[in-house]
């Protein structure tokens, strides 16, 4: 391999591993240490490490950075909703939990290459959460039982968002919070 080709391979390999795993990951450290020059043995090390990276990604063992950030944000919002419930503010808690659920549905749809927007009167608008839910169940991202539960949670959220506070109880929001936490952890984007 020519020196220029080797330099390009090394730079690309390091950049890819860093963006996927970070500089502290063993793949990055090993690649940086073992793939320093254009010797045949260095090429074999580089190929071995990149093959391991590919297999780990292909096997679904790596969560995307966006997924990790989303999970952190969702966890924060769900913690805020839990605090609101503890303070007896069921209505904003229900809206907050429902918003996390809806955004999670959008992310799962996007990851499954399902549409998250529609064209309405010449404008692009977000698809309704019920449509996202139906599409995800239809393609098998989760069961019909999950679909029905999501429908119930979305209904509770809509009641809270539209001022129908007497149509649901604090205990139902507590159950919604627990259920959405479980759902978001089980059904990955």
C-alpha atoms as a PDB file:
ATOM      1  CA  UNK A   1       0.000   0.000   0.000  1.00  0.00           C
ATOM      2  CA  UNK A   2       1.303   3.447  -0.909  1.00  0.00           C
ATOM      3  CA  UNK A   3       2.067   5.889   1.900  1.00  0.00           C
ATOM      4  CA  UNK A   4      -0.707   8.263   0.756  1.00  0.00           C
ATOM      5  CA  UNK A   5      -3.284   5.467   0.711  1.00  0.00           C
ATOM      6  CA  UNK A   6      -2.154   4.296   4.133  1.00  0.00           C
ATOM      7  CA  UNK A   7      -2.386   7.833   5.557  1.00  0.00           C
ATOM      8  CA  UNK A   8      -5.914   8.173   4.171  1.00  0.00           C
ATOM      9  CA  UNK A   9      -6.967   4.788   5.611  1.00  0.00           C
ATOM     10  CA  UNK A  10      -5.499   5.618   9.020  1.00  0.00           C
ATOM     11  CA  UNK A  11      -7.112   9.061   9.147  1.00  0.00           C
ATOM     12  CA  UNK A  12     -10.492   7.753   8.034  1.00  0.00           C
ATOM     13  CA  UNK A  13     -10.336   4.804  10.434  1.00  0.00           C
ATOM     14  CA  UNK A  14      -9.460   6.972  13.423  1.00  0.00           C
ATOM     15  CA  UNK A  15     -12.119   9.559  12.556  1.00  0.00           C
ATOM     16  CA  UNK A  16     -14.802   6.903  12.165  1.00  0.00           C
ATOM     17  CA  UNK A  17     -13.921   5.067  15.365  1.00  0.00           C
ATOM     18  CA  UNK A  18     -13.735   8.343  17.306  1.00  0.00           C
ATOM     19  CA  UNK A  19     -17.143   9.523  16.071  1.00  0.00           C
ATOM     20  CA  UNK A  20     -18.708   6.145  16.805  1.00  0.00           C
ATOM     21  CA  UNK A  21     -17.090   5.218  20.125  1.00  0.00           C
ATOM     22  CA  UNK A  22     -14.928   8.148  21.268  1.00  0.00           C
ATOM     23  CA  UNK A  23     -11.185   8.465  21.876  1.00  0.00           C
ATOM     24  CA  UNK A  24     -11.293   6.551  25.163  1.00  0.00           C
ATOM     25  CA  UNK A  25     -12.690   3.352  23.619  1.00  0.00           C
ATOM     26  CA  UNK A  26     -10.321   0.401  23.235  1.00  0.00           C
ATOM     27  CA  UNK A  27     -10.958   0.279  19.457  1.00  0.00           C
ATOM     28  CA  UNK A  28      -9.654   3.819  19.061  1.00  0.00           C
ATOM     29  CA  UNK A  29      -6.662   3.257  21.330  1.00  0.00           C
ATOM     30  CA  UNK A  30      -5.700  -0.028  19.630  1.00  0.00           C
ATOM     31  CA  UNK A  31      -6.158   1.367  16.124  1.00  0.00           C
ATOM     32  CA  UNK A  32      -4.075   4.422  16.964  1.00  0.00           C
ATOM     33  CA  UNK A  33      -1.329   2.278  18.515  1.00  0.00           C
ATOM     34  CA  UNK A  34      -1.224  -0.656  16.059  1.00  0.00           C
ATOM     35  CA  UNK A  35      -1.945   1.083  12.735  1.00  0.00           C
ATOM     36  CA  UNK A  36       0.885   3.625  12.768  1.00  0.00           C
ATOM     37  CA  UNK A  37       2.751   2.761   9.579  1.00  0.00           C
ATOM     38  CA  UNK A  38       2.215   1.139   6.194  1.00  0.00           C
ATOM     39  CA  UNK A  39       3.733  -2.240   7.097  1.00  0.00           C
ATOM     40  CA  UNK A  40       1.730  -5.339   6.256  1.00  0.00           C
ATOM     41  CA  UNK A  41       1.290  -6.238   9.943  1.00  0.00           C
ATOM     42  CA  UNK A  42      -0.152  -2.776  10.647  1.00  0.00           C
ATOM     43  CA  UNK A  43      -2.596  -3.257   7.783  1.00  0.00           C
ATOM     44  CA  UNK A  44      -3.733  -6.565   9.264  1.00  0.00           C
ATOM     45  CA  UNK A  45      -4.258  -4.942  12.668  1.00  0.00           C
ATOM     46  CA  UNK A  46      -6.232  -2.105  11.076  1.00  0.00           C
ATOM     47  CA  UNK A  47      -8.395  -4.531   9.110  1.00  0.00           C
ATOM     48  CA  UNK A  48      -9.036  -6.654  12.191  1.00  0.00           C
ATOM     49  CA  UNK A  49     -10.091  -3.696  14.305  1.00  0.00           C
ATOM     50  CA  UNK A  50     -12.324  -2.219  11.584  1.00  0.00           C
ATOM     51  CA  UNK A  51     -13.915  -5.651  11.048  1.00  0.00           C
ATOM     52  CA  UNK A  52     -14.683  -5.871  14.782  1.00  0.00           C
ATOM     53  CA  UNK A  53     -16.204  -2.376  14.668  1.00  0.00           C
ATOM     54  CA  UNK A  54     -18.332  -3.324  11.653  1.00  0.00           C
ATOM     55  CA  UNK A  55     -19.536  -6.531  13.300  1.00  0.00           C
ATOM     56  CA  UNK A  56     -20.456  -4.721  16.491  1.00  0.00           C
ATOM     57  CA  UNK A  57     -22.468  -2.111  14.589  1.00  0.00           C
ATOM     58  CA  UNK A  58     -24.062  -4.716  12.308  1.00  0.00           C
ATOM     59  CA  UNK A  59     -25.040  -6.796  15.336  1.00  0.00           C
ATOM     60  CA  UNK A  60     -26.900  -3.842  16.831  1.00  0.00           C
ATOM     61  CA  UNK A  61     -24.610  -3.605  19.840  1.00  0.00           C
ATOM     62  CA  UNK A  62     -23.972   0.100  19.398  1.00  0.00           C
ATOM     63  CA  UNK A  63     -26.527   2.740  20.226  1.00  0.00           C
ATOM     64  CA  UNK A  64     -26.326   5.907  18.186  1.00  0.00           C
ATOM     65  CA  UNK A  65     -25.285   9.149  19.823  1.00  0.00           C
ATOM     66  CA  UNK A  66     -28.672  10.631  18.912  1.00  0.00           C
ATOM     67  CA  UNK A  67     -30.397   7.707  20.598  1.00  0.00           C
ATOM     68  CA  UNK A  68     -28.333   8.129  23.747  1.00  0.00           C
ATOM     69  CA  UNK A  69     -29.001  11.870  23.882  1.00  0.00           C
ATOM     70  CA  UNK A  70     -32.720  11.305  23.296  1.00  0.00           C
ATOM     71  CA  UNK A  71     -32.834   8.720  26.049  1.00  0.00           C
ATOM     72  CA  UNK A  72     -31.196  11.187  28.456  1.00  0.00           C
ATOM     73  CA  UNK A  73     -33.604  13.966  27.503  1.00  0.00           C
ATOM     74  CA  UNK A  74     -36.603  11.629  27.803  1.00  0.00           C
ATOM     75  CA  UNK A  75     -35.392  10.467  31.213  1.00  0.00           C
ATOM     76  CA  UNK A  76     -35.083  14.083  32.355  1.00  0.00           C
ATOM     77  CA  UNK A  77     -38.604  14.936  31.201  1.00  0.00           C
ATOM     78  CA  UNK A  78     -40.020  11.802  32.810  1.00  0.00           C
ATOM     79  CA  UNK A  79     -38.266  12.702  36.079  1.00  0.00           C
ATOM     80  CA  UNK A  80     -39.809  16.177  35.883  1.00  0.00           C
ATOM     81  CA  UNK A  81     -43.215  14.594  35.323  1.00  0.00           C
ATOM     82  CA  UNK A  82     -42.664  12.348  38.341  1.00  0.00           C
ATOM     83  CA  UNK A  83     -41.828  15.408  40.444  1.00  0.00           C
ATOM     84  CA  UNK A  84     -44.980  17.146  39.210  1.00  0.00           C
ATOM     85  CA  UNK A  85     -47.020  14.105  40.220  1.00  0.00           C
ATOM     86  CA  UNK A  86     -45.440  14.095  43.679  1.00  0.00           C
ATOM     87  CA  UNK A  87     -46.531  17.729  44.021  1.00  0.00           C
ATOM     88  CA  UNK A  88     -50.094  16.767  42.922  1.00  0.00           C
ATOM     89  CA  UNK A  89     -49.864  18.440  39.486  1.00  0.00           C
ATOM     90  CA  UNK A  90     -51.334  15.579  37.460  1.00  0.00           C
ATOM     91  CA  UNK A  91     -52.355  17.687  34.471  1.00  0.00           C
ATOM     92  CA  UNK A  92     -48.970  19.101  33.405  1.00  0.00           C
ATOM     93  CA  UNK A  93     -47.407  15.733  34.270  1.00  0.00           C
ATOM     94  CA  UNK A  94     -49.788  13.984  31.860  1.00  0.00           C
ATOM     95  CA  UNK A  95     -48.970  16.464  29.084  1.00  0.00           C
ATOM     96  CA  UNK A  96     -45.238  16.046  29.678  1.00  0.00           C
ATOM     97  CA  UNK A  97     -45.351  12.223  29.661  1.00  0.00           C
ATOM     98  CA  UNK A  98     -47.532  12.284  26.551  1.00  0.00           C
ATOM     99  CA  UNK A  99     -45.081  14.579  24.794  1.00  0.00           C
ATOM    100  CA  UNK A 100     -42.203  12.198  25.532  1.00  0.00           C
ATOM    101  CA  UNK A 101     -44.298   9.341  24.171  1.00  0.00           C
ATOM    102  CA  UNK A 102     -45.185  11.195  20.975  1.00  0.00           C
ATOM    103  CA  UNK A 103     -41.583  12.213  20.278  1.00  0.00           C
ATOM    104  CA  UNK A 104     -40.454   8.641  20.904  1.00  0.00           C
ATOM    105  CA  UNK A 105     -43.027   7.402  18.374  1.00  0.00           C
ATOM    106  CA  UNK A 106     -41.610   9.888  15.836  1.00  0.00           C
ATOM    107  CA  UNK A 107     -38.079   8.646  16.419  1.00  0.00           C
ATOM    108  CA  UNK A 108     -39.083   4.993  16.131  1.00  0.00           C
ATOM    109  CA  UNK A 109     -40.911   5.780  12.875  1.00  0.00           C
ATOM    110  CA  UNK A 110     -37.909   7.657  11.477  1.00  0.00           C
ATOM    111  CA  UNK A 111     -35.594   4.766  12.394  1.00  0.00           C
ATOM    112  CA  UNK A 112     -37.996   2.361  10.658  1.00  0.00           C
ATOM    113  CA  UNK A 113     -38.124   4.624   7.564  1.00  0.00           C
ATOM    114  CA  UNK A 114     -41.806   5.390   8.153  1.00  0.00           C
ATOM    115  CA  UNK A 115     -43.125   8.874   7.363  1.00  0.00           C
ATOM    116  CA  UNK A 116     -43.344  11.358  10.243  1.00  0.00           C
ATOM    117  CA  UNK A 117     -44.863  14.187   8.167  1.00  0.00           C
ATOM    118  CA  UNK A 118     -47.800  14.580   5.796  1.00  0.00           C
ATOM    119  CA  UNK A 119     -48.657  17.089   3.102  1.00  0.00           C
ATOM    120  CA  UNK A 120     -51.835  18.994   3.978  1.00  0.00           C
ATOM    121  CA  UNK A 121     -53.115  21.894   1.858  1.00  0.00           C
ATOM    122  CA  UNK A 122     -49.675  22.339   0.340  1.00  0.00           C
ATOM    123  CA  UNK A 123     -47.920  22.437   3.717  1.00  0.00           C
ATOM    124  CA  UNK A 124     -45.802  19.816   5.426  1.00  0.00           C
ATOM    125  CA  UNK A 125     -47.287  19.007   8.830  1.00  0.00           C
ATOM    126  CA  UNK A 126     -46.310  16.488  11.510  1.00  0.00           C
ATOM    127  CA  UNK A 127     -48.296  13.250  11.347  1.00  0.00           C
ATOM    128  CA  UNK A 128     -50.722  12.626  14.177  1.00  0.00           C
ATOM    129  CA  UNK A 129     -49.435  10.419  16.983  1.00  0.00           C
ATOM    130  CA  UNK A 130     -52.308   7.960  16.438  1.00  0.00           C
ATOM    131  CA  UNK A 131     -51.190   7.475  12.816  1.00  0.00           C
ATOM    132  CA  UNK A 132     -47.588   6.903  13.896  1.00  0.00           C
ATOM    133  CA  UNK A 133     -48.804   4.372  16.464  1.00  0.00           C
ATOM    134  CA  UNK A 134     -50.897   2.502  13.887  1.00  0.00           C
ATOM    135  CA  UNK A 135     -48.041   2.418  11.369  1.00  0.00           C
ATOM    136  CA  UNK A 136     -45.559   1.094  13.921  1.00  0.00           C
ATOM    137  CA  UNK A 137     -47.882  -1.706  15.022  1.00  0.00           C
ATOM    138  CA  UNK A 138     -48.683  -2.520  11.390  1.00  0.00           C
ATOM    139  CA  UNK A 139     -45.000  -3.066  10.518  1.00  0.00           C
ATOM    140  CA  UNK A 140     -44.440  -5.122  13.679  1.00  0.00           C
ATOM    141  CA  UNK A 141     -42.319  -2.710  15.718  1.00  0.00           C
ATOM    142  CA  UNK A 142     -44.543  -3.690  18.637  1.00  0.00           C
ATOM    143  CA  UNK A 143     -47.668  -5.727  19.400  1.00  0.00           C
ATOM    144  CA  UNK A 144     -51.341  -4.832  19.044  1.00  0.00           C
ATOM    145  CA  UNK A 145     -51.512  -4.822  22.837  1.00  0.00           C
ATOM    146  CA  UNK A 146     -48.792  -2.152  22.949  1.00  0.00           C
ATOM    147  CA  UNK A 147     -50.652  -0.231  20.239  1.00  0.00           C
ATOM    148  CA  UNK A 148     -53.832  -0.198  22.329  1.00  0.00           C
ATOM    149  CA  UNK A 149     -51.919   0.926  25.402  1.00  0.00           C
ATOM    150  CA  UNK A 150     -50.248   3.745  23.449  1.00  0.00           C
ATOM    151  CA  UNK A 151     -53.688   4.806  22.177  1.00  0.00           C
ATOM    152  CA  UNK A 152     -54.954   5.001  25.771  1.00  0.00           C
ATOM    153  CA  UNK A 153     -51.931   7.066  26.871  1.00  0.00           C
ATOM    154  CA  UNK A 154     -52.361   9.439  23.936  1.00  0.00           C
ATOM    155  CA  UNK A 155     -56.039   9.850  24.861  1.00  0.00           C
ATOM    156  CA  UNK A 156     -55.113  10.704  28.442  1.00  0.00           C
ATOM    157  CA  UNK A 157     -52.524  13.217  27.214  1.00  0.00           C
ATOM    158  CA  UNK A 158     -55.116  14.823  24.899  1.00  0.00           C
ATOM    159  CA  UNK A 159     -57.598  15.144  27.760  1.00  0.00           C
ATOM    160  CA  UNK A 160     -54.943  16.889  29.860  1.00  0.00           C
ATOM    161  CA  UNK A 161     -53.900  19.174  26.999  1.00  0.00           C
ATOM    162  CA  UNK A 162     -57.509  20.186  26.277  1.00  0.00           C
ATOM    163  CA  UNK A 163     -58.574  20.936  29.834  1.00  0.00           C
ATOM    164  CA  UNK A 164     -60.679  17.820  30.465  1.00  0.00           C
ATOM    165  CA  UNK A 165     -59.085  17.385  33.894  1.00  0.00           C
ATOM    166  CA  UNK A 166     -62.006  15.643  35.547  1.00  0.00           C
ATOM    167  CA  UNK A 167     -61.973  12.803  32.994  1.00  0.00           C
ATOM    168  CA  UNK A 168     -58.900  11.108  34.474  1.00  0.00           C
ATOM    169  CA  UNK A 169     -57.350  10.593  37.891  1.00  0.00           C
ATOM    170  CA  UNK A 170     -53.915  11.130  39.380  1.00  0.00           C
ATOM    171  CA  UNK A 171     -53.485   7.348  39.663  1.00  0.00           C
ATOM    172  CA  UNK A 172     -53.983   6.970  35.904  1.00  0.00           C
ATOM    173  CA  UNK A 173     -51.177   9.454  35.244  1.00  0.00           C
ATOM    174  CA  UNK A 174     -48.935   7.539  37.660  1.00  0.00           C
ATOM    175  CA  UNK A 175     -49.632   4.345  35.688  1.00  0.00           C
ATOM    176  CA  UNK A 176     -49.093   6.204  32.402  1.00  0.00           C
ATOM    177  CA  UNK A 177     -45.690   7.416  33.585  1.00  0.00           C
ATOM    178  CA  UNK A 178     -44.604   3.900  34.572  1.00  0.00           C
ATOM    179  CA  UNK A 179     -45.948   2.441  31.348  1.00  0.00           C
ATOM    180  CA  UNK A 180     -44.292   5.026  29.089  1.00  0.00           C
ATOM    181  CA  UNK A 181     -40.968   4.516  30.890  1.00  0.00           C
ATOM    182  CA  UNK A 182     -41.202   0.797  30.199  1.00  0.00           C
ATOM    183  CA  UNK A 183     -42.362   1.288  26.615  1.00  0.00           C
ATOM    184  CA  UNK A 184     -39.532   3.703  25.753  1.00  0.00           C
ATOM    185  CA  UNK A 185     -36.948   1.308  27.179  1.00  0.00           C
ATOM    186  CA  UNK A 186     -38.381  -1.724  25.335  1.00  0.00           C
ATOM    187  CA  UNK A 187     -39.185  -0.171  21.948  1.00  0.00           C
ATOM    188  CA  UNK A 188     -35.956   1.348  20.701  1.00  0.00           C
ATOM    189  CA  UNK A 189     -35.598   3.915  17.939  1.00  0.00           C
END
